[in-house]
Amino acid sequence: MKTIELDFGKFVCRAELLETEIAFRFVEHLPYEIKLTGWGEELYGTIGVDLGEESPVPMIPPGGLAYTRQGNYFCIFFGQTPAWPVEHIGYIIDGDWERLSESSDLDSVIVRTRQN
């Protein structure tokens, strides 16, 4: 499993990626600077890269990370609100995803390889 960081400016979350083809493709293009939009209990933004489609699922658990080919969006869930099936590519570790629901003004994220 690959560990990445999600830097929201105010705080940083660590995440682990699943061993899926889409997750491997996602890592190939790191880092990403993503402008975020909120919808329900989800933050999402385009990564500008088509990673394809493998096995979309209709539900992602809170703290889950996903990619959807529709819009080439990277999605961060702190509830269960996907608008359509997405590729589950990872999850935020250590319960840090709970901080997302407490912060209403998260407008961007830098996704990068975990720094030691």
PDB file of N, CA and C in Angstrom:
ATOM      1  N   MET A   1       0.827  -1.192   0.000  1.00  0.00           N
ATOM      2  CA  MET A   1       0.000   0.000   0.000  1.00  0.00           C
ATOM      3  C   MET A   1       0.864   1.247   0.000  1.00  0.00           C
ATOM      4  N   LYS A   2       0.466   2.224  -0.758  1.00  0.00           N
ATOM      5  CA  LYS A   2       1.154   3.506  -0.850  1.00  0.00           C
ATOM      6  C   LYS A   2       0.490   4.481   0.110  1.00  0.00           C
ATOM      7  N   THR A   3       1.304   5.214   0.874  1.00  0.00           N
ATOM      8  CA  THR A   3       0.779   6.230   1.777  1.00  0.00           C
ATOM      9  C   THR A   3       0.955   7.594   1.129  1.00  0.00           C
ATOM     10  N   ILE A   4      -0.109   8.391   1.168  1.00  0.00           N
ATOM     11  CA  ILE A   4      -0.076   9.739   0.605  1.00  0.00           C
ATOM     12  C   ILE A   4      -0.508  10.736   1.673  1.00  0.00           C
ATOM     13  N   GLU A   5      -0.339  12.016   1.360  1.00  0.00           N
ATOM     14  CA  GLU A   5      -0.794  13.096   2.234  1.00  0.00           C
ATOM     15  C   GLU A   5      -1.816  13.939   1.503  1.00  0.00           C
ATOM     16  N   LEU A   6      -2.802  14.389   2.254  1.00  0.00           N
ATOM     17  CA  LEU A   6      -3.789  15.344   1.763  1.00  0.00           C
ATOM     18  C   LEU A   6      -3.576  16.610   2.578  1.00  0.00           C
ATOM     19  N   ASP A   7      -3.006  17.632   1.954  1.00  0.00           N
ATOM     20  CA  ASP A   7      -2.676  18.882   2.647  1.00  0.00           C
ATOM     21  C   ASP A   7      -3.765  19.911   2.353  1.00  0.00           C
ATOM     22  N   PHE A   8      -4.576  20.196   3.366  1.00  0.00           N
ATOM     23  CA  PHE A   8      -5.676  21.149   3.226  1.00  0.00           C
ATOM     24  C   PHE A   8      -5.271  22.561   3.637  1.00  0.00           C
ATOM     25  N   GLY A   9      -3.995  22.781   3.948  1.00  0.00           N
ATOM     26  CA  GLY A   9      -3.536  24.088   4.406  1.00  0.00           C
ATOM     27  C   GLY A   9      -3.645  24.220   5.908  1.00  0.00           C
ATOM     28  N   LYS A  10      -4.831  24.012   6.443  1.00  0.00           N
ATOM     29  CA  LYS A  10      -5.070  24.081   7.894  1.00  0.00           C
ATOM     30  C   LYS A  10      -4.572  22.836   8.611  1.00  0.00           C
ATOM     31  N   PHE A  11      -4.627  21.711   7.936  1.00  0.00           N
ATOM     32  CA  PHE A  11      -4.198  20.438   8.511  1.00  0.00           C
ATOM     33  C   PHE A  11      -3.881  19.463   7.383  1.00  0.00           C
ATOM     34  N   VAL A  12      -3.167  18.413   7.744  1.00  0.00           N
ATOM     35  CA  VAL A  12      -2.759  17.382   6.791  1.00  0.00           C
ATOM     36  C   VAL A  12      -3.313  16.040   7.262  1.00  0.00           C
ATOM     37  N   CYS A  13      -3.886  15.284   6.344  1.00  0.00           N
ATOM     38  CA  CYS A  13      -4.359  13.932   6.635  1.00  0.00           C
ATOM     39  C   CYS A  13      -3.465  12.936   5.901  1.00  0.00           C
ATOM     40  N   ARG A  14      -3.211  11.821   6.548  1.00  0.00           N
ATOM     41  CA  ARG A  14      -2.502  10.727   5.888  1.00  0.00           C
ATOM     42  C   ARG A  14      -3.537   9.750   5.350  1.00  0.00           C
ATOM     43  N   ALA A  15      -3.204   9.150   4.229  1.00  0.00           N
ATOM     44  CA  ALA A  15      -4.125   8.196   3.616  1.00  0.00           C
ATOM     45  C   ALA A  15      -3.340   7.044   3.012  1.00  0.00           C
ATOM     46  N   GLU A  16      -3.984   5.902   2.935  1.00  0.00           N
ATOM     47  CA  GLU A  16      -3.401   4.734   2.285  1.00  0.00           C
ATOM     48  C   GLU A  16      -4.225   4.402   1.054  1.00  0.00           C
ATOM     49  N   LEU A  17      -3.520   4.108  -0.024  1.00  0.00           N
ATOM     50  CA  LEU A  17      -4.192   3.742  -1.261  1.00  0.00           C
ATOM     51  C   LEU A  17      -4.326   2.230  -1.352  1.00  0.00           C
ATOM     52  N   LEU A  18      -5.415   1.797  -1.937  1.00  0.00           N
ATOM     53  CA  LEU A  18      -5.654   0.381  -2.167  1.00  0.00           C
ATOM     54  C   LEU A  18      -4.795  -0.088  -3.341  1.00  0.00           C
ATOM     55  N   GLU A  19      -4.642  -1.375  -3.460  1.00  0.00           N
ATOM     56  CA  GLU A  19      -3.851  -1.920  -4.562  1.00  0.00           C
ATOM     57  C   GLU A  19      -4.771  -2.249  -5.732  1.00  0.00           C
ATOM     58  N   THR A  20      -5.221  -1.187  -6.397  1.00  0.00           N
ATOM     59  CA  THR A  20      -6.061  -1.329  -7.583  1.00  0.00           C
ATOM     60  C   THR A  20      -5.354  -0.654  -8.748  1.00  0.00           C
ATOM     61  N   GLU A  21      -5.749  -1.000  -9.939  1.00  0.00           N
ATOM     62  CA  GLU A  21      -5.145  -0.397 -11.130  1.00  0.00           C
ATOM     63  C   GLU A  21      -5.373   1.115 -11.156  1.00  0.00           C
ATOM     64  N   ILE A  22      -6.561   1.551 -10.783  1.00  0.00           N
ATOM     65  CA  ILE A  22      -6.857   2.989 -10.777  1.00  0.00           C
ATOM     66  C   ILE A  22      -5.992   3.701  -9.742  1.00  0.00           C
ATOM     67  N   ALA A  23      -5.799   3.114  -8.567  1.00  0.00           N
ATOM     68  CA  ALA A  23      -4.941   3.723  -7.543  1.00  0.00           C
ATOM     69  C   ALA A  23      -3.500   3.827  -8.040  1.00  0.00           C
ATOM     70  N   PHE A  24      -3.000   2.800  -8.724  1.00  0.00           N
ATOM     71  CA  PHE A  24      -1.644   2.855  -9.278  1.00  0.00           C
ATOM     72  C   PHE A  24      -1.533   3.984 -10.300  1.00  0.00           C
ATOM     73  N   ARG A  25      -2.528   4.131 -11.157  1.00  0.00           N
ATOM     74  CA  ARG A  25      -2.520   5.217 -12.147  1.00  0.00           C
ATOM     75  C   ARG A  25      -2.585   6.577 -11.461  1.00  0.00           C
ATOM     76  N   PHE A  26      -3.361   6.662 -10.386  1.00  0.00           N
ATOM     77  CA  PHE A  26      -3.477   7.901  -9.613  1.00  0.00           C
ATOM     78  C   PHE A  26      -2.102   8.326  -9.098  1.00  0.00           C
ATOM     79  N   VAL A  27      -1.339   7.387  -8.551  1.00  0.00           N
ATOM     80  CA  VAL A  27      -0.011   7.672  -7.995  1.00  0.00           C
ATOM     81  C   VAL A  27       0.956   8.147  -9.078  1.00  0.00           C
ATOM     82  N   GLU A  28       0.838   7.616 -10.275  1.00  0.00           N
ATOM     83  CA  GLU A  28       1.747   7.984 -11.365  1.00  0.00           C
ATOM     84  C   GLU A  28       1.733   9.477 -11.662  1.00  0.00           C
ATOM     85  N   HIS A  29       0.650  10.154 -11.347  1.00  0.00           N
ATOM     86  CA  HIS A  29       0.506  11.570 -11.689  1.00  0.00           C
ATOM     87  C   HIS A  29       0.669  12.508 -10.493  1.00  0.00           C
ATOM     88  N   LEU A  30       1.021  11.976  -9.313  1.00  0.00           N
ATOM     89  CA  LEU A  30       1.231  12.833  -8.139  1.00  0.00           C
ATOM     90  C   LEU A  30       2.363  13.820  -8.407  1.00  0.00           C
ATOM     91  N   PRO A  31       2.316  15.017  -7.825  1.00  0.00           N
ATOM     92  CA  PRO A  31       1.284  15.554  -6.932  1.00  0.00           C
ATOM     93  C   PRO A  31       0.150  16.207  -7.723  1.00  0.00           C
ATOM     94  N   TYR A  32      -0.963  16.416  -7.031  1.00  0.00           N
ATOM     95  CA  TYR A  32      -2.113  17.129  -7.583  1.00  0.00           C
ATOM     96  C   TYR A  32      -2.398  18.349  -6.712  1.00  0.00           C
ATOM     97  N   GLU A  33      -2.753  19.450  -7.343  1.00  0.00           N
ATOM     98  CA  GLU A  33      -3.304  20.611  -6.633  1.00  0.00           C
ATOM     99  C   GLU A  33      -4.741  20.720  -7.105  1.00  0.00           C
ATOM    100  N   ILE A  34      -5.674  20.488  -6.199  1.00  0.00           N
ATOM    101  CA  ILE A  34      -7.076  20.336  -6.575  1.00  0.00           C
ATOM    102  C   ILE A  34      -7.930  21.408  -5.917  1.00  0.00           C
ATOM    103  N   LYS A  35      -8.703  22.122  -6.736  1.00  0.00           N
ATOM    104  CA  LYS A  35      -9.706  23.055  -6.216  1.00  0.00           C
ATOM    105  C   LYS A  35     -10.924  22.213  -5.855  1.00  0.00           C
ATOM    106  N   LEU A  36     -11.385  22.360  -4.623  1.00  0.00           N
ATOM    107  CA  LEU A  36     -12.455  21.504  -4.107  1.00  0.00           C
ATOM    108  C   LEU A  36     -13.831  22.156  -4.152  1.00  0.00           C
ATOM    109  N   THR A  37     -14.824  21.328  -4.360  1.00  0.00           N
ATOM    110  CA  THR A  37     -16.229  21.696  -4.259  1.00  0.00           C
ATOM    111  C   THR A  37     -16.853  20.732  -3.256  1.00  0.00           C
ATOM    112  N   GLY A  38     -17.760  21.224  -2.439  1.00  0.00           N
ATOM    113  CA  GLY A  38     -18.448  20.365  -1.484  1.00  0.00           C
ATOM    114  C   GLY A  38     -19.824  19.978  -1.985  1.00  0.00           C
ATOM    115  N   TRP A  39     -20.216  18.749  -1.712  1.00  0.00           N
ATOM    116  CA  TRP A  39     -21.563  18.265  -2.021  1.00  0.00           C
ATOM    117  C   TRP A  39     -21.925  17.245  -0.961  1.00  0.00           C
ATOM    118  N   GLY A  40     -22.981  17.508  -0.214  1.00  0.00           N
ATOM    119  CA  GLY A  40     -23.351  16.583   0.860  1.00  0.00           C
ATOM    120  C   GLY A  40     -22.191  16.402   1.811  1.00  0.00           C
ATOM    121  N   GLU A  41     -21.820  15.172   2.038  1.00  0.00           N
ATOM    122  CA  GLU A  41     -20.685  14.854   2.906  1.00  0.00           C
ATOM    123  C   GLU A  41     -19.505  14.371   2.061  1.00  0.00           C
ATOM    124  N   GLU A  42     -19.184  15.190   1.061  1.00  0.00           N
ATOM    125  CA  GLU A  42     -18.139  14.843   0.102  1.00  0.00           C
ATOM    126  C   GLU A  42     -17.447  16.120  -0.369  1.00  0.00           C
ATOM    127  N   LEU A  43     -16.139  16.023  -0.575  1.00  0.00           N
ATOM    128  CA  LEU A  43     -15.375  17.066  -1.247  1.00  0.00           C
ATOM    129  C   LEU A  43     -14.843  16.443  -2.525  1.00  0.00           C
ATOM    130  N   TYR A  44     -14.863  17.197  -3.618  1.00  0.00           N
ATOM    131  CA  TYR A  44     -14.361  16.641  -4.866  1.00  0.00           C
ATOM    132  C   TYR A  44     -13.784  17.742  -5.739  1.00  0.00           C
ATOM    133  N   GLY A  45     -12.907  17.347  -6.648  1.00  0.00           N
ATOM    134  CA  GLY A  45     -12.329  18.278  -7.600  1.00  0.00           C
ATOM    135  C   GLY A  45     -11.636  17.509  -8.705  1.00  0.00           C
ATOM    136  N   THR A  46     -11.510  18.143  -9.853  1.00  0.00           N
ATOM    137  CA  THR A  46     -10.917  17.457 -10.996  1.00  0.00           C
ATOM    138  C   THR A  46      -9.398  17.370 -10.863  1.00  0.00           C
ATOM    139  N   ILE A  47      -8.866  16.237 -11.312  1.00  0.00           N
ATOM    140  CA  ILE A  47      -7.416  16.076 -11.352  1.00  0.00           C
ATOM    141  C   ILE A  47      -6.893  16.298 -12.767  1.00  0.00           C
ATOM    142  N   GLY A  48      -7.799  16.457 -13.729  1.00  0.00           N
ATOM    143  CA  GLY A  48      -7.403  16.749 -15.097  1.00  0.00           C
ATOM    144  C   GLY A  48      -6.767  15.584 -15.839  1.00  0.00           C
ATOM    145  N   VAL A  49      -6.916  14.379 -15.317  1.00  0.00           N
ATOM    146  CA  VAL A  49      -6.329  13.189 -15.935  1.00  0.00           C
ATOM    147  C   VAL A  49      -7.387  12.088 -15.968  1.00  0.00           C
ATOM    148  N   ASP A  50      -7.551  11.455 -17.119  1.00  0.00           N
ATOM    149  CA  ASP A  50      -8.472  10.323 -17.240  1.00  0.00           C
ATOM    150  C   ASP A  50      -7.738   9.057 -16.819  1.00  0.00           C
ATOM    151  N   LEU A  51      -8.125   8.481 -15.694  1.00  0.00           N
ATOM    152  CA  LEU A  51      -7.484   7.269 -15.179  1.00  0.00           C
ATOM    153  C   LEU A  51      -8.206   5.998 -15.609  1.00  0.00           C
ATOM    154  N   GLY A  52      -9.267   6.149 -16.375  1.00  0.00           N
ATOM    155  CA  GLY A  52     -10.012   4.981 -16.828  1.00  0.00           C
ATOM    156  C   GLY A  52     -11.044   4.537 -15.811  1.00  0.00           C
ATOM    157  N   GLU A  53     -11.503   3.309 -16.002  1.00  0.00           N
ATOM    158  CA  GLU A  53     -12.535   2.751 -15.132  1.00  0.00           C
ATOM    159  C   GLU A  53     -12.229   1.277 -14.919  1.00  0.00           C
ATOM    160  N   GLU A  54     -12.429   0.815 -13.694  1.00  0.00           N
ATOM    161  CA  GLU A  54     -12.117  -0.578 -13.360  1.00  0.00           C
ATOM    162  C   GLU A  54     -13.335  -1.276 -12.762  1.00  0.00           C
ATOM    163  N   SER A  55     -13.690  -0.909 -11.539  1.00  0.00           N
ATOM    164  CA  SER A  55     -14.805  -1.554 -10.835  1.00  0.00           C
ATOM    165  C   SER A  55     -15.546  -0.538  -9.978  1.00  0.00           C
ATOM    166  N   PRO A  56     -16.341   0.346 -10.578  1.00  0.00           N
ATOM    167  CA  PRO A  56     -17.047   1.357  -9.782  1.00  0.00           C
ATOM    168  C   PRO A  56     -17.995   0.715  -8.770  1.00  0.00           C
ATOM    169  N   VAL A  57     -18.073   1.345  -7.596  1.00  0.00           N
ATOM    170  CA  VAL A  57     -18.967   0.874  -6.535  1.00  0.00           C
ATOM    171  C   VAL A  57     -19.912   2.008  -6.130  1.00  0.00           C
ATOM    172  N   PRO A  58     -21.121   1.674  -5.656  1.00  0.00           N
ATOM    173  CA  PRO A  58     -22.107   2.707  -5.335  1.00  0.00           C
ATOM    174  C   PRO A  58     -21.922   3.370  -3.970  1.00  0.00           C
ATOM    175  N   MET A  59     -21.184   2.743  -3.061  1.00  0.00           N
ATOM    176  CA  MET A  59     -21.031   3.306  -1.714  1.00  0.00           C
ATOM    177  C   MET A  59     -19.562   3.298  -1.306  1.00  0.00           C
ATOM    178  N   ILE A  60     -19.160   4.374  -0.639  1.00  0.00           N
ATOM    179  CA  ILE A  60     -17.809   4.507  -0.097  1.00  0.00           C
ATOM    180  C   ILE A  60     -17.971   4.851   1.381  1.00  0.00           C
ATOM    181  N   PRO A  61     -17.224   4.208   2.269  1.00  0.00           N
ATOM    182  CA  PRO A  61     -17.358   4.522   3.694  1.00  0.00           C
ATOM    183  C   PRO A  61     -16.776   5.893   4.023  1.00  0.00           C
ATOM    184  N   PRO A  62     -17.210   6.501   5.123  1.00  0.00           N
ATOM    185  CA  PRO A  62     -16.614   7.764   5.554  1.00  0.00           C
ATOM    186  C   PRO A  62     -15.097   7.608   5.679  1.00  0.00           C
ATOM    187  N   GLY A  63     -14.383   8.604   5.181  1.00  0.00           N
ATOM    188  CA  GLY A  63     -12.926   8.552   5.161  1.00  0.00           C
ATOM    189  C   GLY A  63     -12.382   7.952   3.881  1.00  0.00           C
ATOM    190  N   GLY A  64     -13.279   7.479   3.021  1.00  0.00           N
ATOM    191  CA  GLY A  64     -12.858   6.860   1.770  1.00  0.00           C
ATOM    192  C   GLY A  64     -12.427   7.879   0.730  1.00  0.00           C
ATOM    193  N   LEU A  65     -11.518   7.454  -0.129  1.00  0.00           N
ATOM    194  CA  LEU A  65     -11.055   8.250  -1.262  1.00  0.00           C
ATOM    195  C   LEU A  65     -11.480   7.532  -2.527  1.00  0.00           C
ATOM    196  N   ALA A  66     -11.863   8.306  -3.523  1.00  0.00           N
ATOM    197  CA  ALA A  66     -12.350   7.688  -4.751  1.00  0.00           C
ATOM    198  C   ALA A  66     -11.980   8.543  -5.953  1.00  0.00           C
ATOM    199  N   TYR A  67     -12.108   7.925  -7.111  1.00  0.00           N
ATOM    200  CA  TYR A  67     -11.932   8.605  -8.392  1.00  0.00           C
ATOM    201  C   TYR A  67     -13.148   8.257  -9.228  1.00  0.00           C
ATOM    202  N   THR A  68     -13.615   9.227 -10.003  1.00  0.00           N
ATOM    203  CA  THR A  68     -14.664   8.942 -10.968  1.00  0.00           C
ATOM    204  C   THR A  68     -14.270   9.520 -12.316  1.00  0.00           C
ATOM    205  N   ARG A  69     -14.492   8.734 -13.326  1.00  0.00           N
ATOM    206  CA  ARG A  69     -14.162   9.155 -14.689  1.00  0.00           C
ATOM    207  C   ARG A  69     -15.062  10.309 -15.134  1.00  0.00           C
ATOM    208  N   GLN A  70     -16.257  10.375 -14.584  1.00  0.00           N
ATOM    209  CA  GLN A  70     -17.173  11.475 -14.891  1.00  0.00           C
ATOM    210  C   GLN A  70     -16.584  12.751 -14.322  1.00  0.00           C
ATOM    211  N   GLY A  71     -15.942  13.565 -15.137  1.00  0.00           N
ATOM    212  CA  GLY A  71     -15.310  14.797 -14.689  1.00  0.00           C
ATOM    213  C   GLY A  71     -13.875  14.613 -14.225  1.00  0.00           C
ATOM    214  N   ASN A  72     -13.376  13.369 -14.229  1.00  0.00           N
ATOM    215  CA  ASN A  72     -12.028  13.065 -13.722  1.00  0.00           C
ATOM    216  C   ASN A  72     -11.855  13.595 -12.309  1.00  0.00           C
ATOM    217  N   TYR A  73     -12.845  13.315 -11.463  1.00  0.00           N
ATOM    218  CA  TYR A  73     -12.856  13.844 -10.101  1.00  0.00           C
ATOM    219  C   TYR A  73     -12.171  12.917  -9.105  1.00  0.00           C
ATOM    220  N   PHE A  74     -11.414  13.542  -8.189  1.00  0.00           N
ATOM    221  CA  PHE A  74     -10.912  12.901  -6.982  1.00  0.00           C
ATOM    222  C   PHE A  74     -11.920  13.265  -5.908  1.00  0.00           C
ATOM    223  N   CYS A  75     -12.396  12.281  -5.162  1.00  0.00           N
ATOM    224  CA  CYS A  75     -13.455  12.495  -4.177  1.00  0.00           C
ATOM    225  C   CYS A  75     -12.986  12.064  -2.792  1.00  0.00           C
ATOM    226  N   ILE A  76     -13.341  12.871  -1.798  1.00  0.00           N
ATOM    227  CA  ILE A  76     -13.011  12.594  -0.406  1.00  0.00           C
ATOM    228  C   ILE A  76     -14.329  12.541   0.353  1.00  0.00           C
ATOM    229  N   PHE A  77     -14.624  11.405   0.973  1.00  0.00           N
ATOM    230  CA  PHE A  77     -15.913  11.225   1.640  1.00  0.00           C
ATOM    231  C   PHE A  77     -15.779  11.300   3.156  1.00  0.00           C
ATOM    232  N   PHE A  78     -16.684  12.059   3.773  1.00  0.00           N
ATOM    233  CA  PHE A  78     -16.789  12.036   5.234  1.00  0.00           C
ATOM    234  C   PHE A  78     -18.205  11.657   5.628  1.00  0.00           C
ATOM    235  N   GLY A  79     -18.910  11.077   4.703  1.00  0.00           N
ATOM    236  CA  GLY A  79     -20.244  10.518   4.851  1.00  0.00           C
ATOM    237  C   GLY A  79     -20.449   9.601   3.651  1.00  0.00           C
ATOM    238  N   GLN A  80     -21.625   9.095   3.457  1.00  0.00           N
ATOM    239  CA  GLN A  80     -21.875   8.184   2.337  1.00  0.00           C
ATOM    240  C   GLN A  80     -22.774   8.854   1.316  1.00  0.00           C
ATOM    241  N   THR A  81     -22.170   9.671   0.453  1.00  0.00           N
ATOM    242  CA  THR A  81     -22.979  10.452  -0.476  1.00  0.00           C
ATOM    243  C   THR A  81     -22.501  10.424  -1.925  1.00  0.00           C
ATOM    244  N   PRO A  82     -21.978   9.338  -2.466  1.00  0.00           N
ATOM    245  CA  PRO A  82     -21.598   9.425  -3.874  1.00  0.00           C
ATOM    246  C   PRO A  82     -22.823   9.695  -4.745  1.00  0.00           C
ATOM    247  N   ALA A  83     -22.654  10.584  -5.705  1.00  0.00           N
ATOM    248  CA  ALA A  83     -23.751  10.893  -6.621  1.00  0.00           C
ATOM    249  C   ALA A  83     -23.939   9.777  -7.646  1.00  0.00           C
ATOM    250  N   TRP A  84     -22.887   9.028  -7.919  1.00  0.00           N
ATOM    251  CA  TRP A  84     -22.927   7.910  -8.851  1.00  0.00           C
ATOM    252  C   TRP A  84     -21.795   6.961  -8.462  1.00  0.00           C
ATOM    253  N   PRO A  85     -21.738   5.766  -9.018  1.00  0.00           N
ATOM    254  CA  PRO A  85     -20.665   4.832  -8.668  1.00  0.00           C
ATOM    255  C   PRO A  85     -19.281   5.414  -8.959  1.00  0.00           C
ATOM    256  N   VAL A  86     -18.342   5.123  -8.070  1.00  0.00           N
ATOM    257  CA  VAL A  86     -16.978   5.645  -8.151  1.00  0.00           C
ATOM    258  C   VAL A  86     -15.980   4.505  -7.927  1.00  0.00           C
ATOM    259  N   GLU A  87     -14.743   4.765  -8.259  1.00  0.00           N
ATOM    260  CA  GLU A  87     -13.652   3.820  -8.020  1.00  0.00           C
ATOM    261  C   GLU A  87     -13.091   4.068  -6.626  1.00  0.00           C
ATOM    262  N   HIS A  88     -13.228   3.128  -5.725  1.00  0.00           N
ATOM    263  CA  HIS A  88     -12.667   3.262  -4.374  1.00  0.00           C
ATOM    264  C   HIS A  88     -11.159   3.055  -4.486  1.00  0.00           C
ATOM    265  N   ILE A  89     -10.360   4.092  -4.160  1.00  0.00           N
ATOM    266  CA  ILE A  89      -8.909   3.977  -4.332  1.00  0.00           C
ATOM    267  C   ILE A  89      -8.133   4.039  -3.023  1.00  0.00           C
ATOM    268  N   GLY A  90      -8.776   4.403  -1.912  1.00  0.00           N
ATOM    269  CA  GLY A  90      -8.035   4.475  -0.661  1.00  0.00           C
ATOM    270  C   GLY A  90      -8.887   4.993   0.473  1.00  0.00           C
ATOM    271  N   TYR A  91      -8.206   5.321   1.583  1.00  0.00           N
ATOM    272  CA  TYR A  91      -8.929   5.808   2.756  1.00  0.00           C
ATOM    273  C   TYR A  91      -7.993   6.621   3.642  1.00  0.00           C
ATOM    274  N   ILE A  92      -8.563   7.598   4.315  1.00  0.00           N
ATOM    275  CA  ILE A  92      -7.832   8.411   5.279  1.00  0.00           C
ATOM    276  C   ILE A  92      -7.654   7.583   6.544  1.00  0.00           C
ATOM    277  N   ILE A  93      -6.447   7.593   7.096  1.00  0.00           N
ATOM    278  CA  ILE A  93      -6.162   6.782   8.281  1.00  0.00           C
ATOM    279  C   ILE A  93      -6.198   7.630   9.550  1.00  0.00           C
ATOM    280  N   ASP A  94      -6.213   6.972  10.670  1.00  0.00           N
ATOM    281  CA  ASP A  94      -6.185   7.595  11.999  1.00  0.00           C
ATOM    282  C   ASP A  94      -7.428   8.419  12.324  1.00  0.00           C
ATOM    283  N   GLY A  95      -8.543   8.185  11.637  1.00  0.00           N
ATOM    284  CA  GLY A  95      -9.768   8.916  11.939  1.00  0.00           C
ATOM    285  C   GLY A  95      -9.730  10.391  11.588  1.00  0.00           C
ATOM    286  N   ASP A  96      -8.682  10.822  10.869  1.00  0.00           N
ATOM    287  CA  ASP A  96      -8.553  12.241  10.521  1.00  0.00           C
ATOM    288  C   ASP A  96      -9.674  12.746   9.620  1.00  0.00           C
ATOM    289  N   TRP A  97     -10.392  11.836   8.960  1.00  0.00           N
ATOM    290  CA  TRP A  97     -11.475  12.263   8.075  1.00  0.00           C
ATOM    291  C   TRP A  97     -12.549  13.025   8.846  1.00  0.00           C
ATOM    292  N   GLU A  98     -12.665  12.777  10.148  1.00  0.00           N
ATOM    293  CA  GLU A  98     -13.682  13.465  10.946  1.00  0.00           C
ATOM    294  C   GLU A  98     -13.451  14.975  10.973  1.00  0.00           C
ATOM    295  N   ARG A  99     -12.205  15.400  10.778  1.00  0.00           N
ATOM    296  CA  ARG A  99     -11.899  16.832  10.743  1.00  0.00           C
ATOM    297  C   ARG A  99     -12.543  17.514   9.534  1.00  0.00           C
ATOM    298  N   LEU A 100     -12.811  16.756   8.484  1.00  0.00           N
ATOM    299  CA  LEU A 100     -13.405  17.324   7.278  1.00  0.00           C
ATOM    300  C   LEU A 100     -14.802  17.859   7.540  1.00  0.00           C
ATOM    301  N   SER A 101     -15.577  17.143   8.343  1.00  0.00           N
ATOM    302  CA  SER A 101     -16.944  17.586   8.628  1.00  0.00           C
ATOM    303  C   SER A 101     -16.962  18.784   9.568  1.00  0.00           C
ATOM    304  N   GLU A 102     -15.856  19.026  10.261  1.00  0.00           N
ATOM    305  CA  GLU A 102     -15.768  20.153  11.194  1.00  0.00           C
ATOM    306  C   GLU A 102     -15.269  21.426  10.520  1.00  0.00           C
ATOM    307  N   SER A 103     -14.793  21.330   9.274  1.00  0.00           N
ATOM    308  CA  SER A 103     -14.222  22.475   8.562  1.00  0.00           C
ATOM    309  C   SER A 103     -15.064  22.780   7.337  1.00  0.00           C
ATOM    310  N   SER A 104     -15.750  23.895   7.353  1.00  0.00           N
ATOM    311  CA  SER A 104     -16.659  24.227   6.254  1.00  0.00           C
ATOM    312  C   SER A 104     -15.998  25.019   5.131  1.00  0.00           C
ATOM    313  N   ASP A 105     -14.764  25.452   5.311  1.00  0.00           N
ATOM    314  CA  ASP A 105     -14.140  26.327   4.318  1.00  0.00           C
ATOM    315  C   ASP A 105     -12.931  25.686   3.633  1.00  0.00           C
ATOM    316  N   LEU A 106     -12.991  24.404   3.367  1.00  0.00           N
ATOM    317  CA  LEU A 106     -11.899  23.729   2.675  1.00  0.00           C
ATOM    318  C   LEU A 106     -12.116  23.881   1.172  1.00  0.00           C
ATOM    319  N   ASP A 107     -11.270  24.684   0.525  1.00  0.00           N
ATOM    320  CA  ASP A 107     -11.479  24.955  -0.895  1.00  0.00           C
ATOM    321  C   ASP A 107     -10.392  24.394  -1.798  1.00  0.00           C
ATOM    322  N   SER A 108      -9.344  23.802  -1.208  1.00  0.00           N
ATOM    323  CA  SER A 108      -8.306  23.189  -2.030  1.00  0.00           C
ATOM    324  C   SER A 108      -7.545  22.146  -1.222  1.00  0.00           C
ATOM    325  N   VAL A 109      -6.872  21.267  -1.948  1.00  0.00           N
ATOM    326  CA  VAL A 109      -6.041  20.241  -1.318  1.00  0.00           C
ATOM    327  C   VAL A 109      -4.860  19.948  -2.238  1.00  0.00           C
ATOM    328  N   ILE A 110      -3.716  19.716  -1.638  1.00  0.00           N
ATOM    329  CA  ILE A 110      -2.556  19.215  -2.369  1.00  0.00           C
ATOM    330  C   ILE A 110      -2.408  17.751  -1.978  1.00  0.00           C
ATOM    331  N   VAL A 111      -2.420  16.886  -2.974  1.00  0.00           N
ATOM    332  CA  VAL A 111      -2.268  15.454  -2.744  1.00  0.00           C
ATOM    333  C   VAL A 111      -0.870  15.085  -3.221  1.00  0.00           C
ATOM    334  N   ARG A 112      -0.076  14.501  -2.328  1.00  0.00           N
ATOM    335  CA  ARG A 112       1.315  14.192  -2.662  1.00  0.00           C
ATOM    336  C   ARG A 112       1.759  12.918  -1.955  1.00  0.00           C
ATOM    337  N   THR A 113       2.914  12.445  -2.367  1.00  0.00           N
ATOM    338  CA  THR A 113       3.530  11.304  -1.702  1.00  0.00           C
ATOM    339  C   THR A 113       3.833  11.686  -0.269  1.00  0.00           C
ATOM    340  N   ARG A 114       3.637  10.768   0.632  1.00  0.00           N
ATOM    341  CA  ARG A 114       3.873  11.024   2.063  1.00  0.00           C
ATOM    342  C   ARG A 114       5.320  11.391   2.309  1.00  0.00           C
ATOM    343  N   GLN A 115       5.509  12.499   3.044  1.00  0.00           N
ATOM    344  CA  GLN A 115       6.840  12.952   3.441  1.00  0.00           C
ATOM    345  C   GLN A 115       7.181  12.337   4.787  1.00  0.00           C
ATOM    346  N   ASN A 116       8.383  11.846   4.953  1.00  0.00           N
ATOM    347  CA  ASN A 116       8.788  11.256   6.241  1.00  0.00           C
ATOM    348  C   ASN A 116       9.309  12.291   7.195  1.00  0.00           C
TER     349      ASN A 116
END
